[in-house]
PDB file of N, CA and C in Angstrom:
ATOM      1  N   UNK A   1      40.076 170.479  31.485  1.00  0.00           N
ATOM      2  CA  UNK A   1      40.493 170.448  32.872  1.00  0.00           C
ATOM      3  C   UNK A   1      40.846 169.002  33.248  1.00  0.00           C
ATOM      4  N   UNK A   2      42.003 168.814  33.825  1.00  0.00           N
ATOM      5  CA  UNK A   2      42.400 167.482  34.265  1.00  0.00           C
ATOM      6  C   UNK A   2      41.901 167.240  35.684  1.00  0.00           C
ATOM      7  N   UNK A   3      41.167 166.166  35.845  1.00  0.00           N
ATOM      8  CA  UNK A   3      40.693 165.796  37.169  1.00  0.00           C
ATOM      9  C   UNK A   3      41.744 164.934  37.855  1.00  0.00           C
ATOM     10  N   UNK A   4      41.627 164.791  39.154  1.00  0.00           N
ATOM     11  CA  UNK A   4      42.573 163.947  39.896  1.00  0.00           C
ATOM     12  C   UNK A   4      42.573 162.528  39.353  1.00  0.00           C
ATOM     13  N   UNK A   5      41.393 162.007  39.019  1.00  0.00           N
ATOM     14  CA  UNK A   5      41.329 160.634  38.521  1.00  0.00           C
ATOM     15  C   UNK A   5      42.019 160.503  37.168  1.00  0.00           C
ATOM     16  N   UNK A   6      41.866 161.492  36.291  1.00  0.00           N
ATOM     17  CA  UNK A   6      42.537 161.442  34.994  1.00  0.00           C
ATOM     18  C   UNK A   6      44.050 161.472  35.167  1.00  0.00           C
ATOM     19  N   UNK A   7      44.537 162.276  36.077  1.00  0.00           N
ATOM     20  CA  UNK A   7      45.974 162.338  36.353  1.00  0.00           C
ATOM     21  C   UNK A   7      46.478 160.976  36.838  1.00  0.00           C
ATOM     22  N   UNK A   8      45.740 160.332  37.734  1.00  0.00           N
ATOM     23  CA  UNK A   8      46.144 159.011  38.229  1.00  0.00           C
ATOM     24  C   UNK A   8      46.155 157.981  37.105  1.00  0.00           C
ATOM     25  N   UNK A   9      45.167 158.029  36.219  1.00  0.00           N
ATOM     26  CA  UNK A   9      45.133 157.095  35.080  1.00  0.00           C
ATOM     27  C   UNK A   9      46.345 157.318  34.189  1.00  0.00           C
ATOM     28  N   UNK A  10      46.664 158.581  33.907  1.00  0.00           N
ATOM     29  CA  UNK A  10      47.820 158.891  33.064  1.00  0.00           C
ATOM     30  C   UNK A  10      49.131 158.433  33.700  1.00  0.00           C
ATOM     31  N   UNK A  11      49.196 158.410  35.024  1.00  0.00           N
ATOM     32  CA  UNK A  11      50.408 157.961  35.715  1.00  0.00           C
ATOM     33  C   UNK A  11      50.478 156.430  35.811  1.00  0.00           C
ATOM     34  N   UNK A  12      49.448 155.727  35.339  1.00  0.00           N
ATOM     35  CA  UNK A  12      49.493 154.273  35.293  1.00  0.00           C
ATOM     36  C   UNK A  12      48.902 153.568  36.495  1.00  0.00           C
ATOM     37  N   UNK A  13      48.137 154.269  37.327  1.00  0.00           N
ATOM     38  CA  UNK A  13      47.590 153.662  38.543  1.00  0.00           C
ATOM     39  C   UNK A  13      46.654 152.486  38.226  1.00  0.00           C
ATOM     40  N   UNK A  14      46.090 152.467  37.014  1.00  0.00           N
ATOM     41  CA  UNK A  14      45.145 151.415  36.639  1.00  0.00           C
ATOM     42  C   UNK A  14      45.832 150.242  35.923  1.00  0.00           C
ATOM     43  N   UNK A  15      47.149 150.295  35.788  1.00  0.00           N
ATOM     44  CA  UNK A  15      47.866 149.289  35.001  1.00  0.00           C
ATOM     45  C   UNK A  15      48.382 148.101  35.805  1.00  0.00           C
ATOM     46  N   UNK A  16      48.658 148.286  37.081  1.00  0.00           N
ATOM     47  CA  UNK A  16      49.254 147.194  37.862  1.00  0.00           C
ATOM     48  C   UNK A  16      48.659 147.158  39.271  1.00  0.00           C
ATOM     49  N   UNK A  17      47.699 146.305  39.524  1.00  0.00           N
ATOM     50  CA  UNK A  17      47.110 145.334  38.600  1.00  0.00           C
ATOM     51  C   UNK A  17      46.183 146.028  37.600  1.00  0.00           C
ATOM     52  N   UNK A  18      46.037 145.427  36.413  1.00  0.00           N
ATOM     53  CA  UNK A  18      45.206 145.994  35.357  1.00  0.00           C
ATOM     54  C   UNK A  18      43.746 146.006  35.793  1.00  0.00           C
ATOM     55  N   UNK A  19      43.110 147.151  35.621  1.00  0.00           N
ATOM     56  CA  UNK A  19      41.694 147.312  35.966  1.00  0.00           C
ATOM     57  C   UNK A  19      40.873 147.163  34.695  1.00  0.00           C
ATOM     58  N   UNK A  20      39.911 146.249  34.712  1.00  0.00           N
ATOM     59  CA  UNK A  20      39.054 146.025  33.544  1.00  0.00           C
ATOM     60  C   UNK A  20      37.770 146.848  33.584  1.00  0.00           C
ATOM     61  N   UNK A  21      37.270 147.136  34.783  1.00  0.00           N
ATOM     62  CA  UNK A  21      36.018 147.878  34.899  1.00  0.00           C
ATOM     63  C   UNK A  21      35.949 148.539  36.273  1.00  0.00           C
ATOM     64  N   UNK A  22      35.179 149.612  36.341  1.00  0.00           N
ATOM     65  CA  UNK A  22      34.941 150.301  37.608  1.00  0.00           C
ATOM     66  C   UNK A  22      33.431 150.466  37.754  1.00  0.00           C
ATOM     67  N   UNK A  23      32.929 150.191  38.938  1.00  0.00           N
ATOM     68  CA  UNK A  23      31.506 150.337  39.212  1.00  0.00           C
ATOM     69  C   UNK A  23      31.326 151.307  40.374  1.00  0.00           C
ATOM     70  N   UNK A  24      30.479 152.298  40.196  1.00  0.00           N
ATOM     71  CA  UNK A  24      30.146 153.222  41.273  1.00  0.00           C
ATOM     72  C   UNK A  24      28.787 152.853  41.832  1.00  0.00           C
ATOM     73  N   UNK A  25      28.664 152.869  43.139  1.00  0.00           N
ATOM     74  CA  UNK A  25      27.395 152.526  43.771  1.00  0.00           C
ATOM     75  C   UNK A  25      26.813 153.759  44.446  1.00  0.00           C
ATOM     76  N   UNK A  26      25.576 154.069  44.127  1.00  0.00           N
ATOM     77  CA  UNK A  26      24.875 155.199  44.706  1.00  0.00           C
ATOM     78  C   UNK A  26      23.465 154.747  45.061  1.00  0.00           C
ATOM     79  N   UNK A  27      22.883 155.378  46.056  1.00  0.00           N
ATOM     80  CA  UNK A  27      21.469 155.121  46.281  1.00  0.00           C
ATOM     81  C   UNK A  27      20.677 156.125  45.451  1.00  0.00           C
ATOM     82  N   UNK A  28      19.485 155.750  45.050  1.00  0.00           N
ATOM     83  CA  UNK A  28      18.655 156.627  44.240  1.00  0.00           C
ATOM     84  C   UNK A  28      17.207 156.413  44.652  1.00  0.00           C
ATOM     85  N   UNK A  29      16.550 157.431  45.166  1.00  0.00           N
ATOM     86  CA  UNK A  29      15.201 157.258  45.710  1.00  0.00           C
ATOM     87  C   UNK A  29      14.145 156.849  44.685  1.00  0.00           C
ATOM     88  N   UNK A  30      14.399 157.037  43.387  1.00  0.00           N
ATOM     89  CA  UNK A  30      13.417 156.658  42.368  1.00  0.00           C
ATOM     90  C   UNK A  30      13.449 155.176  42.020  1.00  0.00           C
ATOM     91  N   UNK A  31      14.482 154.478  42.462  1.00  0.00           N
ATOM     92  CA  UNK A  31      14.591 153.038  42.183  1.00  0.00           C
ATOM     93  C   UNK A  31      14.081 152.291  43.411  1.00  0.00           C
ATOM     94  N   UNK A  32      13.097 151.406  43.240  1.00  0.00           N
ATOM     95  CA  UNK A  32      12.529 150.687  44.382  1.00  0.00           C
ATOM     96  C   UNK A  32      13.566 149.819  45.098  1.00  0.00           C
ATOM     97  N   UNK A  33      13.364 149.619  46.386  1.00  0.00           N
ATOM     98  CA  UNK A  33      14.246 148.749  47.172  1.00  0.00           C
ATOM     99  C   UNK A  33      14.275 147.365  46.540  1.00  0.00           C
ATOM    100  N   UNK A  34      15.476 146.779  46.480  1.00  0.00           N
ATOM    101  CA  UNK A  34      15.627 145.448  45.895  1.00  0.00           C
ATOM    102  C   UNK A  34      15.871 145.455  44.397  1.00  0.00           C
ATOM    103  N   UNK A  35      15.831 146.613  43.766  1.00  0.00           N
ATOM    104  CA  UNK A  35      16.063 146.712  42.321  1.00  0.00           C
ATOM    105  C   UNK A  35      17.420 147.364  42.072  1.00  0.00           C
ATOM    106  N   UNK A  36      17.987 147.116  40.904  1.00  0.00           N
ATOM    107  CA  UNK A  36      19.273 147.689  40.519  1.00  0.00           C
ATOM    108  C   UNK A  36      19.080 148.459  39.220  1.00  0.00           C
ATOM    109  N   UNK A  37      19.568 149.696  39.180  1.00  0.00           N
ATOM    110  CA  UNK A  37      19.528 150.486  37.956  1.00  0.00           C
ATOM    111  C   UNK A  37      20.911 150.520  37.327  1.00  0.00           C
ATOM    112  N   UNK A  38      20.971 150.396  36.001  1.00  0.00           N
ATOM    113  CA  UNK A  38      22.238 150.417  35.275  1.00  0.00           C
ATOM    114  C   UNK A  38      22.212 151.521  34.232  1.00  0.00           C
ATOM    115  N   UNK A  39      23.382 152.103  33.968  1.00  0.00           N
ATOM    116  CA  UNK A  39      23.505 153.101  32.924  1.00  0.00           C
ATOM    117  C   UNK A  39      24.911 153.025  32.345  1.00  0.00           C
ATOM    118  N   UNK A  40      25.012 153.022  31.047  1.00  0.00           N
ATOM    119  CA  UNK A  40      26.311 153.048  30.387  1.00  0.00           C
ATOM    120  C   UNK A  40      26.831 154.482  30.385  1.00  0.00           C
ATOM    121  N   UNK A  41      28.083 154.672  30.756  1.00  0.00           N
ATOM    122  CA  UNK A  41      28.671 156.002  30.758  1.00  0.00           C
ATOM    123  C   UNK A  41      28.608 156.650  32.122  1.00  0.00           C
ATOM    124  N   UNK A  42      28.941 157.938  32.160  1.00  0.00           N
ATOM    125  CA  UNK A  42      29.004 158.662  33.424  1.00  0.00           C
ATOM    126  C   UNK A  42      27.631 158.924  34.020  1.00  0.00           C
ATOM    127  N   UNK A  43      27.603 158.944  35.332  1.00  0.00           N
ATOM    128  CA  UNK A  43      26.357 159.218  36.055  1.00  0.00           C
ATOM    129  C   UNK A  43      26.701 159.770  37.421  1.00  0.00           C
ATOM    130  N   UNK A  44      26.028 160.822  37.826  1.00  0.00           N
ATOM    131  CA  UNK A  44      26.183 161.409  39.154  1.00  0.00           C
ATOM    132  C   UNK A  44      27.615 161.832  39.452  1.00  0.00           C
ATOM    133  N   UNK A  45      28.298 162.345  38.456  1.00  0.00           N
ATOM    134  CA  UNK A  45      29.667 162.816  38.664  1.00  0.00           C
ATOM    135  C   UNK A  45      29.721 164.309  38.354  1.00  0.00           C
ATOM    136  N   UNK A  46      30.652 164.994  38.975  1.00  0.00           N
ATOM    137  CA  UNK A  46      30.787 166.419  38.727  1.00  0.00           C
ATOM    138  C   UNK A  46      32.238 166.839  38.885  1.00  0.00           C
ATOM    139  N   UNK A  47      32.610 167.825  38.143  1.00  0.00           N
ATOM    140  CA  UNK A  47      33.901 168.469  38.309  1.00  0.00           C
ATOM    141  C   UNK A  47      33.591 169.919  38.634  1.00  0.00           C
ATOM    142  N   UNK A  48      33.981 170.350  39.804  1.00  0.00           N
ATOM    143  CA  UNK A  48      33.679 171.701  40.245  1.00  0.00           C
ATOM    144  C   UNK A  48      34.970 172.475  40.472  1.00  0.00           C
ATOM    145  N   UNK A  49      34.882 173.774  40.307  1.00  0.00           N
ATOM    146  CA  UNK A  49      36.014 174.653  40.562  1.00  0.00           C
ATOM    147  C   UNK A  49      35.592 175.701  41.580  1.00  0.00           C
ATOM    148  N   UNK A  50      36.428 175.931  42.559  1.00  0.00           N
ATOM    149  CA  UNK A  50      36.177 176.954  43.562  1.00  0.00           C
ATOM    150  C   UNK A  50      37.353 177.915  43.557  1.00  0.00           C
ATOM    151  N   UNK A  51      37.058 179.186  43.489  1.00  0.00           N
ATOM    152  CA  UNK A  51      38.089 180.219  43.557  1.00  0.00           C
ATOM    153  C   UNK A  51      37.892 180.949  44.873  1.00  0.00           C
ATOM    154  N   UNK A  52      38.915 180.942  45.708  1.00  0.00           N
ATOM    155  CA  UNK A  52      38.823 181.586  47.020  1.00  0.00           C
ATOM    156  C   UNK A  52      39.861 182.687  47.126  1.00  0.00           C
ATOM    157  N   UNK A  53      39.459 183.781  47.730  1.00  0.00           N
ATOM    158  CA  UNK A  53      40.374 184.858  48.049  1.00  0.00           C
ATOM    159  C   UNK A  53      40.473 184.931  49.574  1.00  0.00           C
ATOM    160  N   UNK A  54      41.684 184.873  50.096  1.00  0.00           N
ATOM    161  CA  UNK A  54      41.899 184.956  51.533  1.00  0.00           C
ATOM    162  C   UNK A  54      42.797 186.164  51.788  1.00  0.00           C
ATOM    163  N   UNK A  55      42.300 187.063  52.602  1.00  0.00           N
ATOM    164  CA  UNK A  55      43.043 188.279  52.896  1.00  0.00           C
ATOM    165  C   UNK A  55      43.538 188.229  54.333  1.00  0.00           C
ATOM    166  N   UNK A  56      44.746 188.682  54.536  1.00  0.00           N
ATOM    167  CA  UNK A  56      45.311 188.763  55.882  1.00  0.00           C
ATOM    168  C   UNK A  56      45.025 190.167  56.395  1.00  0.00           C
ATOM    169  N   UNK A  57      44.038 190.262  57.266  1.00  0.00           N
ATOM    170  CA  UNK A  57      43.667 191.561  57.813  1.00  0.00           C
ATOM    171  C   UNK A  57      44.324 191.744  59.178  1.00  0.00           C
ATOM    172  N   UNK A  58      44.888 192.925  59.425  1.00  0.00           N
ATOM    173  CA  UNK A  58      45.533 193.138  60.727  1.00  0.00           C
ATOM    174  C   UNK A  58      44.496 193.166  61.854  1.00  0.00           C
ATOM    175  N   UNK A  59      44.898 192.689  62.981  1.00  0.00           N
ATOM    176  CA  UNK A  59      44.010 192.726  64.161  1.00  0.00           C
ATOM    177  C   UNK A  59      43.828 194.173  64.599  1.00  0.00           C
ATOM    178  N   UNK A  60      42.636 194.482  65.059  1.00  0.00           N
ATOM    179  CA  UNK A  60      42.351 195.830  65.554  1.00  0.00           C
ATOM    180  C   UNK A  60      42.712 195.873  67.026  1.00  0.00           C
ATOM    181  N   UNK A  61      43.632 196.770  67.385  1.00  0.00           N
ATOM    182  CA  UNK A  61      44.058 196.906  68.772  1.00  0.00           C
ATOM    183  C   UNK A  61      43.276 198.018  69.443  1.00  0.00           C
ATOM    184  N   UNK A  62      42.733 197.767  70.590  1.00  0.00           N
ATOM    185  CA  UNK A  62      41.978 198.818  71.288  1.00  0.00           C
ATOM    186  C   UNK A  62      42.667 199.181  72.583  1.00  0.00           C
TER     187      UNK A  62
END
């Protein structure tokens, strides 16, 4: 599945100006105030799919 970010990367959005790194900032209740937690690779990201059915129902006339 192609995510929006992958599509943007493929279109060259990260090339001009060239991006060397991306940092995401999140709060996390298990890390004490004043401390910084680091992790190599993905963290707290998700790709979700929603399938919706919308029906056009006629109005009921009374």
